[in-house]
Amino acid sequence: MQAYKTDEIYIYPIKSIGPIKQDQIKINGSGLIYDRYWMLIHPDGSAITQREFPSLNLIHITDDLTHFILNVEGHSVPAIRFQKQADAMSLMEVSLWNKQFIAYETQSELSKWFSHYLGTEILLVTNPSRIKELVYNDKIFNLPLNFQDGYPVHLINYSSINDLSNRCGVDLSPMRFRANIYLDLGTPYIEDEIDKIKINDIIFQFIKPCERCIMINLEPFTDCFQKEPLKSLSTYRKENNVVKFGIYLKVLASN
């Protein structure tokens, strides 16, 4: 098992909003603390993503000791601070990728802020009651999740990004892939062969490749979709009608 060090660690506190860089890997359960800790929903409980509202990609997020701060440069909506720890309010059923589970409405002022920005009624939810059962190598894992699409930790290999950039002729920002951990593994797509990997003294186990869609064609802090890199990626990383790039991991052990 190879061991690596990286300082390219990111969380996405609100699903479909931008990242915050971390100085260390902070673990909670099988994933990273505050990663996809909140999610935006319609009043009917259905999830809101950048696919529906690409202008969410224009929002910058920063933090201090007790708050996160949202800001949209050049937009009339003012910056807003919100607490990292806030009271949960009403219980409600929410849905993400056709899966239903329970979460709590929270941060009503932030819901109003998003409603004003997007021009439609938005609610913010947190603390999902969500466990994913995973069978891997004949073992059953119960993964506690926040609002990740389906798996706790997302890793991208810089060597694979560089190879893809050369193939499509575009200098690709790594952040368009919205990973938690970025490593230079030296060889493009060697991550496909990982079973276990130690990163910053934490052992992770491979779960599955990451399946890609049009969202990787949205450059960070823009709201216009491009043709690349999904067009080029589809020519050599497509298998059974699924385009794969990057991998999902779970925390196996930490010091």
C-alpha atoms as a PDB file:
ATOM      1  CA  MET A   1       0.000   0.000   0.000  1.00  0.00           C
ATOM      2  CA  GLN A   2       1.479   3.319  -1.108  1.00  0.00           C
ATOM      3  CA  ALA A   3       1.576   6.280   1.308  1.00  0.00           C
ATOM      4  CA  TYR A   4       1.162   9.885   0.146  1.00  0.00           C
ATOM      5  CA  LYS A   5       1.048  13.401   1.546  1.00  0.00           C
ATOM      6  CA  THR A   6      -1.065  16.197   0.112  1.00  0.00           C
ATOM      7  CA  ASP A   7      -2.259  19.659   1.079  1.00  0.00           C
ATOM      8  CA  GLU A   8      -4.875  19.675  -1.678  1.00  0.00           C
ATOM      9  CA  ILE A   9      -7.889  18.814   0.493  1.00  0.00           C
ATOM     10  CA  TYR A  10     -11.335  20.332  -0.034  1.00  0.00           C
ATOM     11  CA  ILE A  11     -14.784  20.233   1.491  1.00  0.00           C
ATOM     12  CA  TYR A  12     -18.030  21.499  -0.031  1.00  0.00           C
ATOM     13  CA  PRO A  13     -20.117  22.586   2.984  1.00  0.00           C
ATOM     14  CA  ILE A  14     -23.264  23.216   0.924  1.00  0.00           C
ATOM     15  CA  LYS A  15     -23.934  20.724  -1.845  1.00  0.00           C
ATOM     16  CA  SER A  16     -23.595  22.397  -5.290  1.00  0.00           C
ATOM     17  CA  ILE A  17     -21.682  25.380  -3.858  1.00  0.00           C
ATOM     18  CA  GLY A  18     -17.929  25.911  -4.122  1.00  0.00           C
ATOM     19  CA  PRO A  19     -15.142  24.368  -2.041  1.00  0.00           C
ATOM     20  CA  ILE A  20     -13.111  25.433   0.974  1.00  0.00           C
ATOM     21  CA  LYS A  21      -9.510  24.283   1.132  1.00  0.00           C
ATOM     22  CA  GLN A  22      -8.511  22.458   4.312  1.00  0.00           C
ATOM     23  CA  ASP A  23      -5.128  22.290   6.013  1.00  0.00           C
ATOM     24  CA  GLN A  24      -5.660  18.684   7.058  1.00  0.00           C
ATOM     25  CA  ILE A  25      -7.984  15.733   6.531  1.00  0.00           C
ATOM     26  CA  LYS A  26     -10.622  15.982   9.253  1.00  0.00           C
ATOM     27  CA  ILE A  27     -12.686  12.829   9.491  1.00  0.00           C
ATOM     28  CA  ASN A  28     -16.245  12.325  10.672  1.00  0.00           C
ATOM     29  CA  GLY A  29     -17.522   8.782  10.224  1.00  0.00           C
ATOM     30  CA  SER A  30     -16.571   7.618   6.735  1.00  0.00           C
ATOM     31  CA  GLY A  31     -16.104  11.082   5.240  1.00  0.00           C
ATOM     32  CA  LEU A  32     -14.774  14.612   5.828  1.00  0.00           C
ATOM     33  CA  ILE A  33     -16.216  16.952   8.452  1.00  0.00           C
ATOM     34  CA  TYR A  34     -18.664  19.502   6.967  1.00  0.00           C
ATOM     35  CA  ASP A  35     -18.478  18.011   3.492  1.00  0.00           C
ATOM     36  CA  ARG A  36     -21.951  18.369   1.889  1.00  0.00           C
ATOM     37  CA  TYR A  37     -23.302  19.067   5.383  1.00  0.00           C
ATOM     38  CA  TRP A  38     -26.142  21.180   3.972  1.00  0.00           C
ATOM     39  CA  MET A  39     -28.278  20.805   0.841  1.00  0.00           C
ATOM     40  CA  LEU A  40     -30.611  23.151  -1.024  1.00  0.00           C
ATOM     41  CA  ILE A  41     -34.068  21.807  -1.819  1.00  0.00           C
ATOM     42  CA  HIS A  42     -37.332  22.823  -3.411  1.00  0.00           C
ATOM     43  CA  PRO A  43     -40.336  23.046  -1.048  1.00  0.00           C
ATOM     44  CA  ASP A  44     -41.362  19.554  -2.227  1.00  0.00           C
ATOM     45  CA  GLY A  45     -38.073  18.167  -0.834  1.00  0.00           C
ATOM     46  CA  SER A  46     -36.292  17.542  -4.155  1.00  0.00           C
ATOM     47  CA  ALA A  47     -32.597  18.431  -4.314  1.00  0.00           C
ATOM     48  CA  ILE A  48     -31.306  21.496  -6.134  1.00  0.00           C
ATOM     49  CA  THR A  49     -28.026  21.223  -8.069  1.00  0.00           C
ATOM     50  CA  GLN A  50     -25.887  23.217 -10.488  1.00  0.00           C
ATOM     51  CA  ARG A  51     -27.390  21.244 -13.338  1.00  0.00           C
ATOM     52  CA  GLU A  52     -30.679  23.067 -12.688  1.00  0.00           C
ATOM     53  CA  PHE A  53     -29.153  26.346 -11.452  1.00  0.00           C
ATOM     54  CA  PRO A  54     -25.624  26.814 -12.884  1.00  0.00           C
ATOM     55  CA  SER A  55     -25.492  30.257 -11.228  1.00  0.00           C
ATOM     56  CA  LEU A  56     -24.809  28.397  -7.962  1.00  0.00           C
ATOM     57  CA  ASN A  57     -21.316  27.934  -9.402  1.00  0.00           C
ATOM     58  CA  LEU A  58     -20.721  31.705  -9.063  1.00  0.00           C
ATOM     59  CA  ILE A  59     -20.958  31.650  -5.260  1.00  0.00           C
ATOM     60  CA  HIS A  60     -17.727  31.911  -3.268  1.00  0.00           C
ATOM     61  CA  ILE A  61     -17.563  30.385   0.198  1.00  0.00           C
ATOM     62  CA  THR A  62     -15.033  31.118   2.937  1.00  0.00           C
ATOM     63  CA  ASP A  63     -14.973  30.460   6.655  1.00  0.00           C
ATOM     64  CA  ASP A  64     -13.756  31.577  10.048  1.00  0.00           C
ATOM     65  CA  LEU A  65     -13.789  29.840  13.410  1.00  0.00           C
ATOM     66  CA  THR A  66     -17.571  29.720  13.870  1.00  0.00           C
ATOM     67  CA  HIS A  67     -19.169  30.797  10.568  1.00  0.00           C
ATOM     68  CA  PHE A  68     -19.186  30.230   6.835  1.00  0.00           C
ATOM     69  CA  ILE A  69     -19.490  33.246   4.527  1.00  0.00           C
ATOM     70  CA  LEU A  70     -21.144  33.306   1.093  1.00  0.00           C
ATOM     71  CA  ASN A  71     -20.488  35.998  -1.499  1.00  0.00           C
ATOM     72  CA  VAL A  72     -21.287  36.507  -5.191  1.00  0.00           C
ATOM     73  CA  GLU A  73     -18.895  38.950  -6.837  1.00  0.00           C
ATOM     74  CA  GLY A  74     -20.600  41.636  -8.922  1.00  0.00           C
ATOM     75  CA  HIS A  75     -24.105  40.646  -7.813  1.00  0.00           C
ATOM     76  CA  SER A  76     -26.578  42.784  -5.888  1.00  0.00           C
ATOM     77  CA  VAL A  77     -27.209  40.063  -3.316  1.00  0.00           C
ATOM     78  CA  PRO A  78     -25.160  40.920  -0.197  1.00  0.00           C
ATOM     79  CA  ALA A  79     -22.675  38.580   1.427  1.00  0.00           C
ATOM     80  CA  ILE A  80     -24.085  36.484   4.256  1.00  0.00           C
ATOM     81  CA  ARG A  81     -22.530  34.779   7.298  1.00  0.00           C
ATOM     82  CA  PHE A  82     -24.106  31.682   8.781  1.00  0.00           C
ATOM     83  CA  GLN A  83     -23.262  29.518  11.749  1.00  0.00           C
ATOM     84  CA  LYS A  84     -21.433  26.235  11.431  1.00  0.00           C
ATOM     85  CA  GLN A  85     -23.582  24.923  14.250  1.00  0.00           C
ATOM     86  CA  ALA A  86     -27.252  25.930  14.098  1.00  0.00           C
ATOM     87  CA  ASP A  87     -30.465  24.523  15.494  1.00  0.00           C
ATOM     88  CA  ALA A  88     -32.319  21.983  13.383  1.00  0.00           C
ATOM     89  CA  MET A  89     -35.939  22.950  12.795  1.00  0.00           C
ATOM     90  CA  SER A  90     -38.760  20.982  11.191  1.00  0.00           C
ATOM     91  CA  LEU A  91     -38.257  17.382  10.113  1.00  0.00           C
ATOM     92  CA  MET A  92     -38.981  16.656   6.452  1.00  0.00           C
ATOM     93  CA  GLU A  93     -38.518  14.035   3.754  1.00  0.00           C
ATOM     94  CA  VAL A  94     -36.056  14.967   1.029  1.00  0.00           C
ATOM     95  CA  SER A  95     -34.963  13.260  -2.178  1.00  0.00           C
ATOM     96  CA  LEU A  96     -31.596  13.029  -3.902  1.00  0.00           C
ATOM     97  CA  TRP A  97     -31.185  11.049  -7.133  1.00  0.00           C
ATOM     98  CA  ASN A  98     -34.554   9.355  -6.581  1.00  0.00           C
ATOM     99  CA  LYS A  99     -33.639   8.227  -3.068  1.00  0.00           C
ATOM    100  CA  GLN A 100     -35.759   9.447  -0.147  1.00  0.00           C
ATOM    101  CA  PHE A 101     -34.554  10.043   3.399  1.00  0.00           C
ATOM    102  CA  ILE A 102     -35.163  12.340   6.362  1.00  0.00           C
ATOM    103  CA  ALA A 103     -33.387  15.650   7.039  1.00  0.00           C
ATOM    104  CA  TYR A 104     -34.020  18.804   9.054  1.00  0.00           C
ATOM    105  CA  GLU A 105     -34.812  22.274   7.800  1.00  0.00           C
ATOM    106  CA  THR A 106     -32.387  24.851   9.194  1.00  0.00           C
ATOM    107  CA  GLN A 107     -30.891  28.341   8.718  1.00  0.00           C
ATOM    108  CA  SER A 108     -34.072  30.145   7.639  1.00  0.00           C
ATOM    109  CA  GLU A 109     -32.219  33.394   6.861  1.00  0.00           C
ATOM    110  CA  LEU A 110     -29.890  31.515   4.548  1.00  0.00           C
ATOM    111  CA  SER A 111     -32.898  29.934   2.821  1.00  0.00           C
ATOM    112  CA  LYS A 112     -34.220  33.453   2.181  1.00  0.00           C
ATOM    113  CA  TRP A 113     -30.822  34.500   0.812  1.00  0.00           C
ATOM    114  CA  PHE A 114     -30.783  31.640  -1.691  1.00  0.00           C
ATOM    115  CA  SER A 115     -34.426  32.273  -2.601  1.00  0.00           C
ATOM    116  CA  HIS A 116     -33.571  35.879  -3.429  1.00  0.00           C
ATOM    117  CA  TYR A 117     -30.475  34.889  -5.401  1.00  0.00           C
ATOM    118  CA  LEU A 118     -32.142  32.155  -7.464  1.00  0.00           C
ATOM    119  CA  GLY A 119     -35.528  33.848  -7.784  1.00  0.00           C
ATOM    120  CA  THR A 120     -37.500  30.866  -6.478  1.00  0.00           C
ATOM    121  CA  GLU A 121     -38.394  29.457  -3.070  1.00  0.00           C
ATOM    122  CA  ILE A 122     -35.487  27.546  -1.572  1.00  0.00           C
ATOM    123  CA  LEU A 123     -35.080  25.663   1.705  1.00  0.00           C
ATOM    124  CA  LEU A 124     -31.873  24.554   3.386  1.00  0.00           C
ATOM    125  CA  VAL A 125     -31.645  21.184   5.131  1.00  0.00           C
ATOM    126  CA  THR A 126     -29.050  19.428   7.291  1.00  0.00           C
ATOM    127  CA  ASN A 127     -28.452  16.359   9.511  1.00  0.00           C
ATOM    128  CA  PRO A 128     -29.706  13.704   7.091  1.00  0.00           C
ATOM    129  CA  SER A 129     -30.697  10.327   8.475  1.00  0.00           C
ATOM    130  CA  ARG A 130     -28.882   8.458   5.751  1.00  0.00           C
ATOM    131  CA  ILE A 131     -26.981   5.176   5.725  1.00  0.00           C
ATOM    132  CA  LYS A 132     -25.781   3.518   2.523  1.00  0.00           C
ATOM    133  CA  GLU A 133     -25.222  -0.228   2.582  1.00  0.00           C
ATOM    134  CA  LEU A 134     -22.237  -1.205   0.464  1.00  0.00           C
ATOM    135  CA  VAL A 135     -21.041  -4.713  -0.384  1.00  0.00           C
ATOM    136  CA  TYR A 136     -17.344  -4.857  -1.271  1.00  0.00           C
ATOM    137  CA  ASN A 137     -15.156  -7.980  -1.421  1.00  0.00           C
ATOM    138  CA  ASP A 138     -17.984  -9.962   0.189  1.00  0.00           C
ATOM    139  CA  LYS A 139     -18.063  -7.575   3.157  1.00  0.00           C
ATOM    140  CA  ILE A 140     -20.988  -5.328   4.064  1.00  0.00           C
ATOM    141  CA  PHE A 141     -20.257  -1.719   5.009  1.00  0.00           C
ATOM    142  CA  ASN A 142     -22.778   0.752   6.395  1.00  0.00           C
ATOM    143  CA  LEU A 143     -21.656   4.195   5.257  1.00  0.00           C
ATOM    144  CA  PRO A 144     -23.080   7.231   7.054  1.00  0.00           C
ATOM    145  CA  LEU A 145     -23.444   9.996   4.471  1.00  0.00           C
ATOM    146  CA  ASN A 146     -24.301  13.655   4.453  1.00  0.00           C
ATOM    147  CA  PHE A 147     -25.571  14.890   1.068  1.00  0.00           C
ATOM    148  CA  GLN A 148     -22.844  13.387  -1.128  1.00  0.00           C
ATOM    149  CA  ASP A 149     -24.198  11.878  -4.334  1.00  0.00           C
ATOM    150  CA  GLY A 150     -23.585   8.399  -2.993  1.00  0.00           C
ATOM    151  CA  TYR A 151     -20.075   7.887  -1.609  1.00  0.00           C
ATOM    152  CA  PRO A 152     -18.031   9.588   1.105  1.00  0.00           C
ATOM    153  CA  VAL A 153     -14.647  10.684  -0.329  1.00  0.00           C
ATOM    154  CA  HIS A 154     -13.749  11.602  -3.907  1.00  0.00           C
ATOM    155  CA  LEU A 155     -10.122  11.431  -5.120  1.00  0.00           C
ATOM    156  CA  ILE A 156      -8.613  12.806  -8.338  1.00  0.00           C
ATOM    157  CA  ASN A 157      -5.139  12.108  -9.739  1.00  0.00           C
ATOM    158  CA  TYR A 158      -3.367  15.204 -11.135  1.00  0.00           C
ATOM    159  CA  SER A 159      -1.560  13.015 -13.684  1.00  0.00           C
ATOM    160  CA  SER A 160      -4.940  11.962 -15.092  1.00  0.00           C
ATOM    161  CA  ILE A 161      -6.062  15.591 -15.331  1.00  0.00           C
ATOM    162  CA  ASN A 162      -2.885  16.501 -17.210  1.00  0.00           C
ATOM    163  CA  ASP A 163      -3.409  13.629 -19.648  1.00  0.00           C
ATOM    164  CA  LEU A 164      -7.014  14.661 -20.233  1.00  0.00           C
ATOM    165  CA  SER A 165      -5.967  18.304 -20.733  1.00  0.00           C
ATOM    166  CA  ASN A 166      -3.533  17.248 -23.431  1.00  0.00           C
ATOM    167  CA  ARG A 167      -6.139  15.106 -25.171  1.00  0.00           C
ATOM    168  CA  CYS A 168      -8.807  17.802 -25.317  1.00  0.00           C
ATOM    169  CA  GLY A 169      -6.482  20.785 -25.806  1.00  0.00           C
ATOM    170  CA  VAL A 170      -7.887  22.659 -22.816  1.00  0.00           C
ATOM    171  CA  ASP A 171      -6.004  23.729 -19.690  1.00  0.00           C
ATOM    172  CA  LEU A 172      -8.430  22.154 -17.241  1.00  0.00           C
ATOM    173  CA  SER A 173      -8.910  23.531 -13.758  1.00  0.00           C
ATOM    174  CA  PRO A 174      -8.775  20.574 -11.348  1.00  0.00           C
ATOM    175  CA  MET A 175     -11.586  22.136  -9.326  1.00  0.00           C
ATOM    176  CA  ARG A 176     -14.174  21.432 -12.019  1.00  0.00           C
ATOM    177  CA  PHE A 177     -14.080  17.794 -10.874  1.00  0.00           C
ATOM    178  CA  ARG A 178     -15.189  18.782  -7.341  1.00  0.00           C
ATOM    179  CA  ALA A 179     -13.017  16.218  -5.569  1.00  0.00           C
ATOM    180  CA  ASN A 180     -12.126  16.115  -1.883  1.00  0.00           C
ATOM    181  CA  ILE A 181      -8.519  14.988  -2.304  1.00  0.00           C
ATOM    182  CA  TYR A 182      -6.109  15.707  -5.163  1.00  0.00           C
ATOM    183  CA  LEU A 183      -2.876  13.717  -5.492  1.00  0.00           C
ATOM    184  CA  ASP A 184      -0.173  13.377  -8.115  1.00  0.00           C
ATOM    185  CA  LEU A 185       0.097   9.595  -8.415  1.00  0.00           C
ATOM    186  CA  GLY A 186       2.699   9.895 -11.163  1.00  0.00           C
ATOM    187  CA  THR A 187       0.900   7.821 -13.807  1.00  0.00           C
ATOM    188  CA  PRO A 188      -2.425   8.693 -15.469  1.00  0.00           C
ATOM    189  CA  TYR A 189      -5.350   6.506 -14.344  1.00  0.00           C
ATOM    190  CA  ILE A 190      -3.234   4.433 -11.934  1.00  0.00           C
ATOM    191  CA  GLU A 191      -5.935   5.276  -9.388  1.00  0.00           C
ATOM    192  CA  ASP A 192      -8.132   2.687 -11.129  1.00  0.00           C
ATOM    193  CA  GLU A 193      -5.873  -0.008  -9.633  1.00  0.00           C
ATOM    194  CA  ILE A 194      -6.020   1.199  -6.020  1.00  0.00           C
ATOM    195  CA  ASP A 195      -7.395  -1.122  -3.360  1.00  0.00           C
ATOM    196  CA  LYS A 196      -6.122   0.680  -0.272  1.00  0.00           C
ATOM    197  CA  ILE A 197      -4.141   3.906  -0.033  1.00  0.00           C
ATOM    198  CA  LYS A 198      -2.649   5.851   2.877  1.00  0.00           C
ATOM    199  CA  ILE A 199      -3.016   9.624   2.611  1.00  0.00           C
ATOM    200  CA  ASN A 200      -1.691  11.890   5.368  1.00  0.00           C
ATOM    201  CA  ASP A 201      -1.546   8.842   7.696  1.00  0.00           C
ATOM    202  CA  ILE A 202      -5.192   7.911   7.067  1.00  0.00           C
ATOM    203  CA  ILE A 203      -5.991   4.646   5.305  1.00  0.00           C
ATOM    204  CA  PHE A 204      -8.710   4.757   2.654  1.00  0.00           C
ATOM    205  CA  GLN A 205     -10.326   1.871   0.817  1.00  0.00           C
ATOM    206  CA  PHE A 206     -11.409   1.965  -2.819  1.00  0.00           C
ATOM    207  CA  ILE A 207     -15.178   1.776  -3.374  1.00  0.00           C
ATOM    208  CA  LYS A 208     -15.762   2.409  -7.091  1.00  0.00           C
ATOM    209  CA  PRO A 209     -14.841   4.678 -10.039  1.00  0.00           C
ATOM    210  CA  CYS A 210     -16.581   8.041 -10.276  1.00  0.00           C
ATOM    211  CA  GLU A 211     -19.148   8.250 -13.072  1.00  0.00           C
ATOM    212  CA  ARG A 212     -19.053  11.532 -14.982  1.00  0.00           C
ATOM    213  CA  CYS A 213     -21.711  13.738 -16.547  1.00  0.00           C
ATOM    214  CA  ILE A 214     -21.999  17.164 -18.134  1.00  0.00           C
ATOM    215  CA  MET A 215     -21.230  18.910 -14.836  1.00  0.00           C
ATOM    216  CA  ILE A 216     -17.474  18.599 -15.452  1.00  0.00           C
ATOM    217  CA  ASN A 217     -18.002  20.920 -18.451  1.00  0.00           C
ATOM    218  CA  LEU A 218     -18.769  23.783 -16.040  1.00  0.00           C
ATOM    219  CA  GLU A 219     -15.590  25.736 -15.310  1.00  0.00           C
ATOM    220  CA  PRO A 220     -15.330  26.975 -11.692  1.00  0.00           C
ATOM    221  CA  PHE A 221     -17.041  30.333 -11.094  1.00  0.00           C
ATOM    222  CA  THR A 222     -18.784  30.403 -14.466  1.00  0.00           C
ATOM    223  CA  ASP A 223     -22.385  29.572 -15.346  1.00  0.00           C
ATOM    224  CA  CYS A 224     -21.918  28.475 -18.985  1.00  0.00           C
ATOM    225  CA  PHE A 225     -21.414  24.844 -19.969  1.00  0.00           C
ATOM    226  CA  GLN A 226     -18.690  23.966 -22.490  1.00  0.00           C
ATOM    227  CA  LYS A 227     -18.210  20.870 -24.674  1.00  0.00           C
ATOM    228  CA  GLU A 228     -15.008  19.757 -22.969  1.00  0.00           C
ATOM    229  CA  PRO A 229     -13.697  17.746 -21.257  1.00  0.00           C
ATOM    230  CA  LEU A 230     -16.631  15.292 -21.323  1.00  0.00           C
ATOM    231  CA  LYS A 231     -16.502  15.069 -25.136  1.00  0.00           C
ATOM    232  CA  SER A 232     -12.873  13.885 -25.155  1.00  0.00           C
ATOM    233  CA  LEU A 233     -13.223  11.804 -22.012  1.00  0.00           C
ATOM    234  CA  SER A 234     -16.064   9.863 -23.629  1.00  0.00           C
ATOM    235  CA  THR A 235     -13.766   8.717 -26.441  1.00  0.00           C
ATOM    236  CA  TYR A 236     -11.490   6.633 -24.205  1.00  0.00           C
ATOM    237  CA  ARG A 237     -12.969   6.347 -20.700  1.00  0.00           C
ATOM    238  CA  LYS A 238     -16.442   5.116 -21.577  1.00  0.00           C
ATOM    239  CA  GLU A 239     -17.485   1.633 -20.527  1.00  0.00           C
ATOM    240  CA  ASN A 240     -21.023   0.233 -20.704  1.00  0.00           C
ATOM    241  CA  ASN A 241     -22.235   3.729 -21.561  1.00  0.00           C
ATOM    242  CA  VAL A 242     -20.659   5.164 -18.399  1.00  0.00           C
ATOM    243  CA  VAL A 243     -17.761   7.652 -18.439  1.00  0.00           C
ATOM    244  CA  LYS A 244     -15.335   7.120 -15.556  1.00  0.00           C
ATOM    245  CA  PHE A 245     -12.815   9.560 -14.112  1.00  0.00           C
ATOM    246  CA  GLY A 246     -11.552   9.639 -10.521  1.00  0.00           C
ATOM    247  CA  ILE A 247     -12.451   7.238  -7.722  1.00  0.00           C
ATOM    248  CA  TYR A 248     -14.539   7.068  -4.558  1.00  0.00           C
ATOM    249  CA  LEU A 249     -13.028   6.030  -1.230  1.00  0.00           C
ATOM    250  CA  LYS A 250     -14.123   5.346   2.326  1.00  0.00           C
ATOM    251  CA  VAL A 251     -12.125   5.874   5.492  1.00  0.00           C
ATOM    252  CA  LEU A 252     -10.754   2.544   6.698  1.00  0.00           C
ATOM    253  CA  ALA A 253      -8.572   3.637   9.609  1.00  0.00           C
ATOM    254  CA  SER A 254      -7.018   6.811  11.026  1.00  0.00           C
ATOM    255  CA  ASN A 255      -4.473   7.586  13.715  1.00  0.00           C
END
